[in-house]
Amino acid sequence: MAVTQPRDIVQGPHNDTYVIHFDLTDSDLDEAIHDFEELCADLVRAGLTYQIRPGEDQSLLIFACAPKPLLRKTIFQSRSVVTHQLHQRYIASH
């Protein structure tokens, strides 16, 4: 069986990679598995990609990344909301 090394996780210029520290120290195994699966499902539903690495002691490091198309869409939508709010304030003040 071939072993492949995971790609290096590099912080992009858009600060689009986040680290989640998943601590299993005081967790029941069944509860920890459930919480972990739920977290991974939430990341996928949000459109994020992720990689899992071992952390210290009984923990995992989950590197979540926003793909560029999702990041662009989110930024565009947030700017549209702000522009709309500013426009409404301008209209209300005149």
C-alpha atoms as a PDB file:
ATOM      1  CA  MET A   1       0.000   0.000   0.000  1.00  0.00           C
ATOM      2  CA  ALA A   2       1.408   3.362  -1.015  1.00  0.00           C
ATOM      3  CA  VAL A   3       1.555   6.111   1.571  1.00  0.00           C
ATOM      4  CA  THR A   4       0.993   9.635   0.330  1.00  0.00           C
ATOM      5  CA  GLN A   5       2.049  12.676   2.259  1.00  0.00           C
ATOM      6  CA  PRO A   6      -0.611  15.348   2.765  1.00  0.00           C
ATOM      7  CA  ARG A   7      -0.110  18.604   0.949  1.00  0.00           C
ATOM      8  CA  ASP A   8       1.393  21.399   2.990  1.00  0.00           C
ATOM      9  CA  ILE A   9      -1.177  23.778   4.342  1.00  0.00           C
ATOM     10  CA  VAL A  10      -0.234  27.267   3.259  1.00  0.00           C
ATOM     11  CA  GLN A  11      -2.038  30.405   4.319  1.00  0.00           C
ATOM     12  CA  GLY A  12      -3.145  32.142   1.152  1.00  0.00           C
ATOM     13  CA  PRO A  13      -3.083  35.878   0.559  1.00  0.00           C
ATOM     14  CA  HIS A  14      -6.783  36.106   1.436  1.00  0.00           C
ATOM     15  CA  ASN A  15      -6.496  34.592   4.938  1.00  0.00           C
ATOM     16  CA  ASP A  16      -8.815  31.838   3.783  1.00  0.00           C
ATOM     17  CA  THR A  17      -7.486  28.996   5.960  1.00  0.00           C
ATOM     18  CA  TYR A  18      -8.685  28.514   9.527  1.00  0.00           C
ATOM     19  CA  VAL A  19      -7.534  26.068  12.193  1.00  0.00           C
ATOM     20  CA  ILE A  20     -10.036  24.314  14.436  1.00  0.00           C
ATOM     21  CA  HIS A  21      -8.571  22.649  17.526  1.00  0.00           C
ATOM     22  CA  PHE A  22     -10.756  19.613  18.275  1.00  0.00           C
ATOM     23  CA  ASP A  23      -9.905  18.456  21.810  1.00  0.00           C
ATOM     24  CA  LEU A  24     -10.914  14.915  22.742  1.00  0.00           C
ATOM     25  CA  THR A  25      -9.364  14.869  26.218  1.00  0.00           C
ATOM     26  CA  ASP A  26     -12.528  14.796  28.351  1.00  0.00           C
ATOM     27  CA  SER A  27     -14.892  13.308  25.774  1.00  0.00           C
ATOM     28  CA  ASP A  28     -16.762  10.059  25.668  1.00  0.00           C
ATOM     29  CA  LEU A  29     -15.688   8.177  22.519  1.00  0.00           C
ATOM     30  CA  ASP A  30     -19.208   7.896  21.054  1.00  0.00           C
ATOM     31  CA  GLU A  31     -19.937  11.565  21.770  1.00  0.00           C
ATOM     32  CA  ALA A  32     -16.583  12.644  20.294  1.00  0.00           C
ATOM     33  CA  ILE A  33     -17.212  10.642  17.114  1.00  0.00           C
ATOM     34  CA  HIS A  34     -20.693  12.144  16.782  1.00  0.00           C
ATOM     35  CA  ASP A  35     -19.407  15.700  17.336  1.00  0.00           C
ATOM     36  CA  PHE A  36     -16.554  15.168  14.890  1.00  0.00           C
ATOM     37  CA  GLU A  37     -18.857  13.814  12.173  1.00  0.00           C
ATOM     38  CA  GLU A  38     -21.261  16.704  12.762  1.00  0.00           C
ATOM     39  CA  LEU A  39     -18.429  19.240  12.486  1.00  0.00           C
ATOM     40  CA  CYS A  40     -17.200  17.713   9.221  1.00  0.00           C
ATOM     41  CA  ALA A  41     -20.748  17.700   7.814  1.00  0.00           C
ATOM     42  CA  ASP A  42     -21.160  21.369   8.803  1.00  0.00           C
ATOM     43  CA  LEU A  43     -17.907  22.282   7.055  1.00  0.00           C
ATOM     44  CA  VAL A  44     -19.051  20.536   3.883  1.00  0.00           C
ATOM     45  CA  ARG A  45     -22.492  22.204   4.040  1.00  0.00           C
ATOM     46  CA  ALA A  46     -20.764  25.576   4.361  1.00  0.00           C
ATOM     47  CA  GLY A  47     -18.776  24.811   1.205  1.00  0.00           C
ATOM     48  CA  LEU A  48     -15.424  24.586   2.971  1.00  0.00           C
ATOM     49  CA  THR A  49     -12.728  22.046   2.278  1.00  0.00           C
ATOM     50  CA  TYR A  50     -10.728  20.629   5.157  1.00  0.00           C
ATOM     51  CA  GLN A  51      -7.748  18.533   6.142  1.00  0.00           C
ATOM     52  CA  ILE A  52      -7.251  16.747   9.429  1.00  0.00           C
ATOM     53  CA  ARG A  53      -3.920  16.456  11.228  1.00  0.00           C
ATOM     54  CA  PRO A  54      -3.027  15.002  14.609  1.00  0.00           C
ATOM     55  CA  GLY A  55      -2.725  17.599  17.357  1.00  0.00           C
ATOM     56  CA  GLU A  56      -1.066  17.434  20.741  1.00  0.00           C
ATOM     57  CA  ASP A  57      -2.161  14.819  23.260  1.00  0.00           C
ATOM     58  CA  GLN A  58      -5.697  13.716  22.417  1.00  0.00           C
ATOM     59  CA  SER A  59      -6.640  16.377  19.900  1.00  0.00           C
ATOM     60  CA  LEU A  60      -7.006  16.958  16.201  1.00  0.00           C
ATOM     61  CA  LEU A  61      -6.231  20.007  14.121  1.00  0.00           C
ATOM     62  CA  ILE A  62      -8.743  20.637  11.369  1.00  0.00           C
ATOM     63  CA  PHE A  63      -7.583  23.053   8.675  1.00  0.00           C
ATOM     64  CA  ALA A  64     -10.655  24.508   6.979  1.00  0.00           C
ATOM     65  CA  CYS A  65     -10.291  26.470   3.776  1.00  0.00           C
ATOM     66  CA  ALA A  66     -12.739  28.618   1.850  1.00  0.00           C
ATOM     67  CA  PRO A  67     -12.354  27.884  -1.884  1.00  0.00           C
ATOM     68  CA  LYS A  68     -11.761  31.010  -3.971  1.00  0.00           C
ATOM     69  CA  PRO A  69     -15.176  30.951  -5.722  1.00  0.00           C
ATOM     70  CA  LEU A  70     -16.949  30.726  -2.345  1.00  0.00           C
ATOM     71  CA  LEU A  71     -14.768  33.477  -0.907  1.00  0.00           C
ATOM     72  CA  ARG A  72     -15.470  35.751  -3.893  1.00  0.00           C
ATOM     73  CA  LYS A  73     -19.217  35.099  -3.665  1.00  0.00           C
ATOM     74  CA  THR A  74     -19.294  35.796   0.077  1.00  0.00           C
ATOM     75  CA  ILE A  75     -17.302  39.009  -0.298  1.00  0.00           C
ATOM     76  CA  PHE A  76     -19.531  40.167  -3.172  1.00  0.00           C
ATOM     77  CA  GLN A  77     -22.690  39.461  -1.170  1.00  0.00           C
ATOM     78  CA  SER A  78     -21.393  41.253   1.927  1.00  0.00           C
ATOM     79  CA  ARG A  79     -20.407  44.296  -0.153  1.00  0.00           C
ATOM     80  CA  SER A  80     -23.845  44.311  -1.779  1.00  0.00           C
ATOM     81  CA  VAL A  81     -25.525  44.339   1.623  1.00  0.00           C
ATOM     82  CA  VAL A  82     -23.326  47.191   2.862  1.00  0.00           C
ATOM     83  CA  THR A  83     -23.874  49.187  -0.339  1.00  0.00           C
ATOM     84  CA  HIS A  84     -27.639  48.701  -0.031  1.00  0.00           C
ATOM     85  CA  GLN A  85     -27.614  49.808   3.619  1.00  0.00           C
ATOM     86  CA  LEU A  86     -25.573  52.915   2.806  1.00  0.00           C
ATOM     87  CA  HIS A  87     -27.917  53.754  -0.062  1.00  0.00           C
ATOM     88  CA  GLN A  88     -30.963  53.408   2.229  1.00  0.00           C
ATOM     89  CA  ARG A  89     -29.362  55.691   4.844  1.00  0.00           C
ATOM     90  CA  TYR A  90     -28.549  58.261   2.152  1.00  0.00           C
ATOM     91  CA  ILE A  91     -32.141  58.231   0.893  1.00  0.00           C
ATOM     92  CA  ALA A  92     -33.516  58.526   4.437  1.00  0.00           C
ATOM     93  CA  SER A  93     -31.275  61.497   5.229  1.00  0.00           C
ATOM     94  CA  HIS A  94     -32.285  63.491   2.130  1.00  0.00           C
END
